[in-house]
Amino acid sequence: MTPRGPLVPAPRPPGSGGSAAGARPPGAGAVPEEPKGCLFALSQPPLMIFLAVIGGLLMMGAVHDLFLLGR
């Protein structure tokens, strides 16, 4: 397994490029991203189609077991 690097880049030493007079901190003025969790994944059309097909197959199996095999 390959070790992962740090999630945050290491700070630059002073004087390593650019002037500090007009510099803004990274991400200043940027719109923060909303966290994307389970509800985001479930809203995707291919996944919803897949889940609908699986649900339909389960429903057909249940109907078959309850009404056709129960005689």
PDB file of N, CA and C in Angstrom:
ATOM      1  N   MET A   1       0.846  -1.166   0.000  1.00  0.00           N
ATOM      2  CA  MET A   1       0.000   0.000   0.000  1.00  0.00           C
ATOM      3  C   MET A   1       0.895   1.234   0.000  1.00  0.00           C
ATOM      4  N   THR A   2       0.576   2.187  -0.841  1.00  0.00           N
ATOM      5  CA  THR A   2       1.376   3.396  -0.962  1.00  0.00           C
ATOM      6  C   THR A   2       0.943   4.405   0.097  1.00  0.00           C
ATOM      7  N   PRO A   3       1.886   4.986   0.858  1.00  0.00           N
ATOM      8  CA  PRO A   3       1.488   5.988   1.855  1.00  0.00           C
ATOM      9  C   PRO A   3       1.009   7.254   1.162  1.00  0.00           C
ATOM     10  N   ARG A   4      -0.008   7.838   1.724  1.00  0.00           N
ATOM     11  CA  ARG A   4      -0.544   9.069   1.162  1.00  0.00           C
ATOM     12  C   ARG A   4       0.201  10.270   1.718  1.00  0.00           C
ATOM     13  N   GLY A   5       0.263  11.319   0.920  1.00  0.00           N
ATOM     14  CA  GLY A   5       0.894  12.549   1.370  1.00  0.00           C
ATOM     15  C   GLY A   5      -0.064  13.337   2.247  1.00  0.00           C
ATOM     16  N   PRO A   6       0.392  14.445   2.786  1.00  0.00           N
ATOM     17  CA  PRO A   6      -0.480  15.261   3.633  1.00  0.00           C
ATOM     18  C   PRO A   6      -1.609  15.873   2.812  1.00  0.00           C
ATOM     19  N   LEU A   7      -2.756  16.077   3.444  1.00  0.00           N
ATOM     20  CA  LEU A   7      -3.898  16.655   2.754  1.00  0.00           C
ATOM     21  C   LEU A   7      -3.718  18.147   2.519  1.00  0.00           C
ATOM     22  N   VAL A   8      -2.925  18.793   3.373  1.00  0.00           N
ATOM     23  CA  VAL A   8      -2.684  20.228   3.249  1.00  0.00           C
ATOM     24  C   VAL A   8      -1.237  20.412   2.812  1.00  0.00           C
ATOM     25  N   PRO A   9      -0.984  21.228   1.776  1.00  0.00           N
ATOM     26  CA  PRO A   9       0.401  21.418   1.357  1.00  0.00           C
ATOM     27  C   PRO A   9       1.230  22.079   2.462  1.00  0.00           C
ATOM     28  N   ALA A  10       2.501  21.760   2.460  1.00  0.00           N
ATOM     29  CA  ALA A  10       3.410  22.313   3.463  1.00  0.00           C
ATOM     30  C   ALA A  10       3.565  23.821   3.248  1.00  0.00           C
ATOM     31  N   PRO A  11       3.712  24.585   4.323  1.00  0.00           N
ATOM     32  CA  PRO A  11       3.868  26.037   4.166  1.00  0.00           C
ATOM     33  C   PRO A  11       5.191  26.366   3.470  1.00  0.00           C
ATOM     34  N   ARG A  12       5.147  27.442   2.699  1.00  0.00           N
ATOM     35  CA  ARG A  12       6.353  27.882   1.995  1.00  0.00           C
ATOM     36  C   ARG A  12       7.220  28.707   2.930  1.00  0.00           C
ATOM     37  N   PRO A  13       8.536  28.578   2.787  1.00  0.00           N
ATOM     38  CA  PRO A  13       9.408  29.430   3.602  1.00  0.00           C
ATOM     39  C   PRO A  13       9.294  30.887   3.147  1.00  0.00           C
ATOM     40  N   PRO A  14       9.578  31.839   4.044  1.00  0.00           N
ATOM     41  CA  PRO A  14       9.473  33.253   3.676  1.00  0.00           C
ATOM     42  C   PRO A  14      10.415  33.589   2.522  1.00  0.00           C
ATOM     43  N   GLY A  15       9.923  34.441   1.615  1.00  0.00           N
ATOM     44  CA  GLY A  15      10.730  34.892   0.490  1.00  0.00           C
ATOM     45  C   GLY A  15      10.837  33.869  -0.633  1.00  0.00           C
ATOM     46  N   SER A  16       9.921  32.916  -0.694  1.00  0.00           N
ATOM     47  CA  SER A  16      10.011  31.901  -1.747  1.00  0.00           C
ATOM     48  C   SER A  16       9.080  32.207  -2.907  1.00  0.00           C
ATOM     49  N   GLY A  17       9.107  33.426  -3.383  1.00  0.00           N
ATOM     50  CA  GLY A  17       8.328  33.781  -4.570  1.00  0.00           C
ATOM     51  C   GLY A  17       7.146  34.659  -4.237  1.00  0.00           C
ATOM     52  N   GLY A  18       6.910  35.643  -5.114  1.00  0.00           N
ATOM     53  CA  GLY A  18       5.773  36.536  -4.937  1.00  0.00           C
ATOM     54  C   GLY A  18       6.009  37.544  -3.834  1.00  0.00           C
ATOM     55  N   SER A  19       5.303  38.650  -3.920  1.00  0.00           N
ATOM     56  CA  SER A  19       5.417  39.657  -2.874  1.00  0.00           C
ATOM     57  C   SER A  19       4.234  39.518  -1.930  1.00  0.00           C
ATOM     58  N   ALA A  20       4.467  39.815  -0.676  1.00  0.00           N
ATOM     59  CA  ALA A  20       3.413  39.677   0.318  1.00  0.00           C
ATOM     60  C   ALA A  20       2.494  40.891   0.353  1.00  0.00           C
ATOM     61  N   ALA A  21       2.819  41.961  -0.416  1.00  0.00           N
ATOM     62  CA  ALA A  21       2.030  43.187  -0.340  1.00  0.00           C
ATOM     63  C   ALA A  21       0.623  42.974  -0.879  1.00  0.00           C
ATOM     64  N   GLY A  22       0.481  42.355  -2.044  1.00  0.00           N
ATOM     65  CA  GLY A  22      -0.844  42.185  -2.633  1.00  0.00           C
ATOM     66  C   GLY A  22      -1.331  40.756  -2.576  1.00  0.00           C
ATOM     67  N   ALA A  23      -0.690  39.944  -1.777  1.00  0.00           N
ATOM     68  CA  ALA A  23      -1.071  38.528  -1.738  1.00  0.00           C
ATOM     69  C   ALA A  23      -2.308  38.332  -0.876  1.00  0.00           C
ATOM     70  N   ARG A  24      -3.189  37.445  -1.340  1.00  0.00           N
ATOM     71  CA  ARG A  24      -4.362  37.075  -0.561  1.00  0.00           C
ATOM     72  C   ARG A  24      -4.173  35.644  -0.082  1.00  0.00           C
ATOM     73  N   PRO A  25      -4.755  35.305   1.033  1.00  0.00           N
ATOM     74  CA  PRO A  25      -4.661  33.909   1.471  1.00  0.00           C
ATOM     75  C   PRO A  25      -5.386  33.007   0.471  1.00  0.00           C
ATOM     76  N   PRO A  26      -4.930  31.779   0.314  1.00  0.00           N
ATOM     77  CA  PRO A  26      -5.587  30.897  -0.642  1.00  0.00           C
ATOM     78  C   PRO A  26      -7.029  30.651  -0.242  1.00  0.00           C
ATOM     79  N   GLY A  27      -7.895  30.726  -1.222  1.00  0.00           N
ATOM     80  CA  GLY A  27      -9.307  30.497  -0.974  1.00  0.00           C
ATOM     81  C   GLY A  27     -10.058  31.744  -0.549  1.00  0.00           C
ATOM     82  N   ALA A  28      -9.374  32.896  -0.465  1.00  0.00           N
ATOM     83  CA  ALA A  28     -10.068  34.118  -0.072  1.00  0.00           C
ATOM     84  C   ALA A  28     -10.989  34.561  -1.199  1.00  0.00           C
ATOM     85  N   GLY A  29     -12.225  34.790  -0.890  1.00  0.00           N
ATOM     86  CA  GLY A  29     -13.190  35.224  -1.892  1.00  0.00           C
ATOM     87  C   GLY A  29     -13.812  34.059  -2.650  1.00  0.00           C
ATOM     88  N   ALA A  30     -13.331  32.859  -2.416  1.00  0.00           N
ATOM     89  CA  ALA A  30     -13.895  31.703  -3.104  1.00  0.00           C
ATOM     90  C   ALA A  30     -15.142  31.241  -2.360  1.00  0.00           C
ATOM     91  N   VAL A  31     -16.074  30.696  -3.107  1.00  0.00           N
ATOM     92  CA  VAL A  31     -17.298  30.176  -2.511  1.00  0.00           C
ATOM     93  C   VAL A  31     -16.989  28.815  -1.892  1.00  0.00           C
ATOM     94  N   PRO A  32     -17.291  28.614  -0.619  1.00  0.00           N
ATOM     95  CA  PRO A  32     -17.004  27.308  -0.012  1.00  0.00           C
ATOM     96  C   PRO A  32     -17.902  26.227  -0.608  1.00  0.00           C
ATOM     97  N   GLU A  33     -17.312  25.064  -0.828  1.00  0.00           N
ATOM     98  CA  GLU A  33     -18.082  23.972  -1.405  1.00  0.00           C
ATOM     99  C   GLU A  33     -18.940  23.317  -0.329  1.00  0.00           C
ATOM    100  N   GLU A  34     -20.145  22.902  -0.719  1.00  0.00           N
ATOM    101  CA  GLU A  34     -21.007  22.186   0.199  1.00  0.00           C
ATOM    102  C   GLU A  34     -20.565  20.733   0.273  1.00  0.00           C
ATOM    103  N   PRO A  35     -20.634  20.130   1.436  1.00  0.00           N
ATOM    104  CA  PRO A  35     -20.271  18.711   1.525  1.00  0.00           C
ATOM    105  C   PRO A  35     -21.263  17.860   0.737  1.00  0.00           C
ATOM    106  N   LYS A  36     -20.746  16.871   0.052  1.00  0.00           N
ATOM    107  CA  LYS A  36     -21.591  16.004  -0.770  1.00  0.00           C
ATOM    108  C   LYS A  36     -21.568  14.620  -0.154  1.00  0.00           C
ATOM    109  N   GLY A  37     -22.690  14.198   0.379  1.00  0.00           N
ATOM    110  CA  GLY A  37     -22.762  12.918   1.059  1.00  0.00           C
ATOM    111  C   GLY A  37     -23.667  11.936   0.343  1.00  0.00           C
ATOM    112  N   CYS A  38     -24.349  11.141   1.113  1.00  0.00           N
ATOM    113  CA  CYS A  38     -25.170  10.065   0.563  1.00  0.00           C
ATOM    114  C   CYS A  38     -26.307  10.592  -0.297  1.00  0.00           C
ATOM    115  N   LEU A  39     -26.938  11.667   0.113  1.00  0.00           N
ATOM    116  CA  LEU A  39     -28.071  12.167  -0.659  1.00  0.00           C
ATOM    117  C   LEU A  39     -27.627  12.649  -2.030  1.00  0.00           C
ATOM    118  N   PHE A  40     -26.420  13.173  -2.125  1.00  0.00           N
ATOM    119  CA  PHE A  40     -25.919  13.578  -3.438  1.00  0.00           C
ATOM    120  C   PHE A  40     -25.755  12.356  -4.337  1.00  0.00           C
ATOM    121  N   ALA A  41     -25.215  11.276  -3.792  1.00  0.00           N
ATOM    122  CA  ALA A  41     -24.994  10.070  -4.590  1.00  0.00           C
ATOM    123  C   ALA A  41     -26.316   9.451  -5.014  1.00  0.00           C
ATOM    124  N   LEU A  42     -27.319   9.470  -4.138  1.00  0.00           N
ATOM    125  CA  LEU A  42     -28.600   8.855  -4.476  1.00  0.00           C
ATOM    126  C   LEU A  42     -29.400   9.672  -5.473  1.00  0.00           C
ATOM    127  N   SER A  43     -29.010  10.910  -5.716  1.00  0.00           N
ATOM    128  CA  SER A  43     -29.751  11.733  -6.657  1.00  0.00           C
ATOM    129  C   SER A  43     -29.273  11.537  -8.093  1.00  0.00           C
ATOM    130  N   GLN A  44     -28.284  10.696  -8.291  1.00  0.00           N
ATOM    131  CA  GLN A  44     -27.750  10.490  -9.634  1.00  0.00           C
ATOM    132  C   GLN A  44     -28.676   9.573 -10.427  1.00  0.00           C
ATOM    133  N   PRO A  45     -29.064   9.948 -11.652  1.00  0.00           N
ATOM    134  CA  PRO A  45     -30.007   9.147 -12.438  1.00  0.00           C
ATOM    135  C   PRO A  45     -29.572   7.701 -12.686  1.00  0.00           C
ATOM    136  N   PRO A  46     -28.323   7.401 -13.040  1.00  0.00           N
ATOM    137  CA  PRO A  46     -27.988   5.987 -13.272  1.00  0.00           C
ATOM    138  C   PRO A  46     -28.170   5.129 -12.022  1.00  0.00           C
ATOM    139  N   LEU A  47     -27.826   5.666 -10.864  1.00  0.00           N
ATOM    140  CA  LEU A  47     -27.996   4.904  -9.637  1.00  0.00           C
ATOM    141  C   LEU A  47     -29.472   4.702  -9.325  1.00  0.00           C
ATOM    142  N   MET A  48     -30.284   5.719  -9.569  1.00  0.00           N
ATOM    143  CA  MET A  48     -31.713   5.589  -9.304  1.00  0.00           C
ATOM    144  C   MET A  48     -32.347   4.569 -10.244  1.00  0.00           C
ATOM    145  N   ILE A  49     -31.918   4.542 -11.500  1.00  0.00           N
ATOM    146  CA  ILE A  49     -32.437   3.542 -12.440  1.00  0.00           C
ATOM    147  C   ILE A  49     -32.043   2.145 -11.974  1.00  0.00           C
ATOM    148  N   PHE A  50     -30.797   1.976 -11.574  1.00  0.00           N
ATOM    149  CA  PHE A  50     -30.329   0.680 -11.082  1.00  0.00           C
ATOM    150  C   PHE A  50     -31.139   0.241  -9.863  1.00  0.00           C
ATOM    151  N   LEU A  51     -31.341   1.142  -8.908  1.00  0.00           N
ATOM    152  CA  LEU A  51     -32.104   0.792  -7.715  1.00  0.00           C
ATOM    153  C   LEU A  51     -33.556   0.477  -8.049  1.00  0.00           C
ATOM    154  N   ALA A  52     -34.129   1.171  -9.033  1.00  0.00           N
ATOM    155  CA  ALA A  52     -35.508   0.883  -9.442  1.00  0.00           C
ATOM    156  C   ALA A  52     -35.606  -0.508 -10.073  1.00  0.00           C
ATOM    157  N   VAL A  53     -34.622  -0.878 -10.874  1.00  0.00           N
ATOM    158  CA  VAL A  53     -34.633  -2.210 -11.495  1.00  0.00           C
ATOM    159  C   VAL A  53     -34.511  -3.290 -10.423  1.00  0.00           C
ATOM    160  N   ILE A  54     -33.596  -3.107  -9.480  1.00  0.00           N
ATOM    161  CA  ILE A  54     -33.420  -4.087  -8.409  1.00  0.00           C
ATOM    162  C   ILE A  54     -34.697  -4.172  -7.562  1.00  0.00           C
ATOM    163  N   GLY A  55     -35.281  -3.026  -7.250  1.00  0.00           N
ATOM    164  CA  GLY A  55     -36.530  -3.026  -6.484  1.00  0.00           C
ATOM    165  C   GLY A  55     -37.656  -3.716  -7.232  1.00  0.00           C
ATOM    166  N   GLY A  56     -37.729  -3.498  -8.540  1.00  0.00           N
ATOM    167  CA  GLY A  56     -38.755  -4.172  -9.347  1.00  0.00           C
ATOM    168  C   GLY A  56     -38.565  -5.680  -9.364  1.00  0.00           C
ATOM    169  N   LEU A  57     -37.323  -6.129  -9.479  1.00  0.00           N
ATOM    170  CA  LEU A  57     -37.057  -7.574  -9.453  1.00  0.00           C
ATOM    171  C   LEU A  57     -37.430  -8.179  -8.102  1.00  0.00           C
ATOM    172  N   LEU A  58     -37.101  -7.483  -7.026  1.00  0.00           N
ATOM    173  CA  LEU A  58     -37.482  -7.971  -5.703  1.00  0.00           C
ATOM    174  C   LEU A  58     -39.006  -8.018  -5.547  1.00  0.00           C
ATOM    175  N   MET A  59     -39.673  -7.011  -6.061  1.00  0.00           N
ATOM    176  CA  MET A  59     -41.137  -6.975  -5.975  1.00  0.00           C
ATOM    177  C   MET A  59     -41.760  -8.107  -6.788  1.00  0.00           C
ATOM    178  N   MET A  60     -41.239  -8.363  -7.991  1.00  0.00           N
ATOM    179  CA  MET A  60     -41.766  -9.466  -8.804  1.00  0.00           C
ATOM    180  C   MET A  60     -41.543 -10.802  -8.108  1.00  0.00           C
ATOM    181  N   GLY A  61     -40.391 -10.965  -7.476  1.00  0.00           N
ATOM    182  CA  GLY A  61     -40.133 -12.201  -6.740  1.00  0.00           C
ATOM    183  C   GLY A  61     -41.074 -12.362  -5.562  1.00  0.00           C
ATOM    184  N   ALA A  62     -41.338 -11.276  -4.852  1.00  0.00           N
ATOM    185  CA  ALA A  62     -42.254 -11.342  -3.710  1.00  0.00           C
ATOM    186  C   ALA A  62     -43.661 -11.666  -4.159  1.00  0.00           C
ATOM    187  N   VAL A  63     -44.124 -11.043  -5.234  1.00  0.00           N
ATOM    188  CA  VAL A  63     -45.464 -11.313  -5.758  1.00  0.00           C
ATOM    189  C   VAL A  63     -45.570 -12.762  -6.215  1.00  0.00           C
ATOM    190  N   HIS A  64     -44.539 -13.244  -6.862  1.00  0.00           N
ATOM    191  CA  HIS A  64     -44.529 -14.631  -7.327  1.00  0.00           C
ATOM    192  C   HIS A  64     -44.613 -15.589  -6.136  1.00  0.00           C
ATOM    193  N   ASP A  65     -43.833 -15.320  -5.102  1.00  0.00           N
ATOM    194  CA  ASP A  65     -43.827 -16.210  -3.939  1.00  0.00           C
ATOM    195  C   ASP A  65     -45.170 -16.169  -3.201  1.00  0.00           C
ATOM    196  N   LEU A  66     -45.745 -14.981  -3.039  1.00  0.00           N
ATOM    197  CA  LEU A  66     -46.948 -14.854  -2.243  1.00  0.00           C
ATOM    198  C   LEU A  66     -48.201 -15.358  -2.956  1.00  0.00           C
ATOM    199  N   PHE A  67     -48.327 -15.056  -4.243  1.00  0.00           N
ATOM    200  CA  PHE A  67     -49.585 -15.347  -4.931  1.00  0.00           C
ATOM    201  C   PHE A  67     -49.540 -16.589  -5.814  1.00  0.00           C
ATOM    202  N   LEU A  68     -48.411 -16.880  -6.408  1.00  0.00           N
ATOM    203  CA  LEU A  68     -48.382 -18.023  -7.305  1.00  0.00           C
ATOM    204  C   LEU A  68     -47.937 -19.304  -6.613  1.00  0.00           C
ATOM    205  N   LEU A  69     -47.077 -19.208  -5.605  1.00  0.00           N
ATOM    206  CA  LEU A  69     -46.626 -20.400  -4.905  1.00  0.00           C
ATOM    207  C   LEU A  69     -47.473 -20.713  -3.676  1.00  0.00           C
ATOM    208  N   GLY A  70     -48.333 -19.796  -3.279  1.00  0.00           N
ATOM    209  CA  GLY A  70     -49.110 -19.969  -2.071  1.00  0.00           C
ATOM    210  C   GLY A  70     -50.394 -20.740  -2.266  1.00  0.00           C
ATOM    211  N   ARG A  71     -50.651 -21.283  -3.437  1.00  0.00           N
ATOM    212  CA  ARG A  71     -51.908 -22.010  -3.693  1.00  0.00           C
ATOM    213  C   ARG A  71     -51.945 -23.337  -3.027  1.00  0.00           C
TER     214      ARG A  71
END
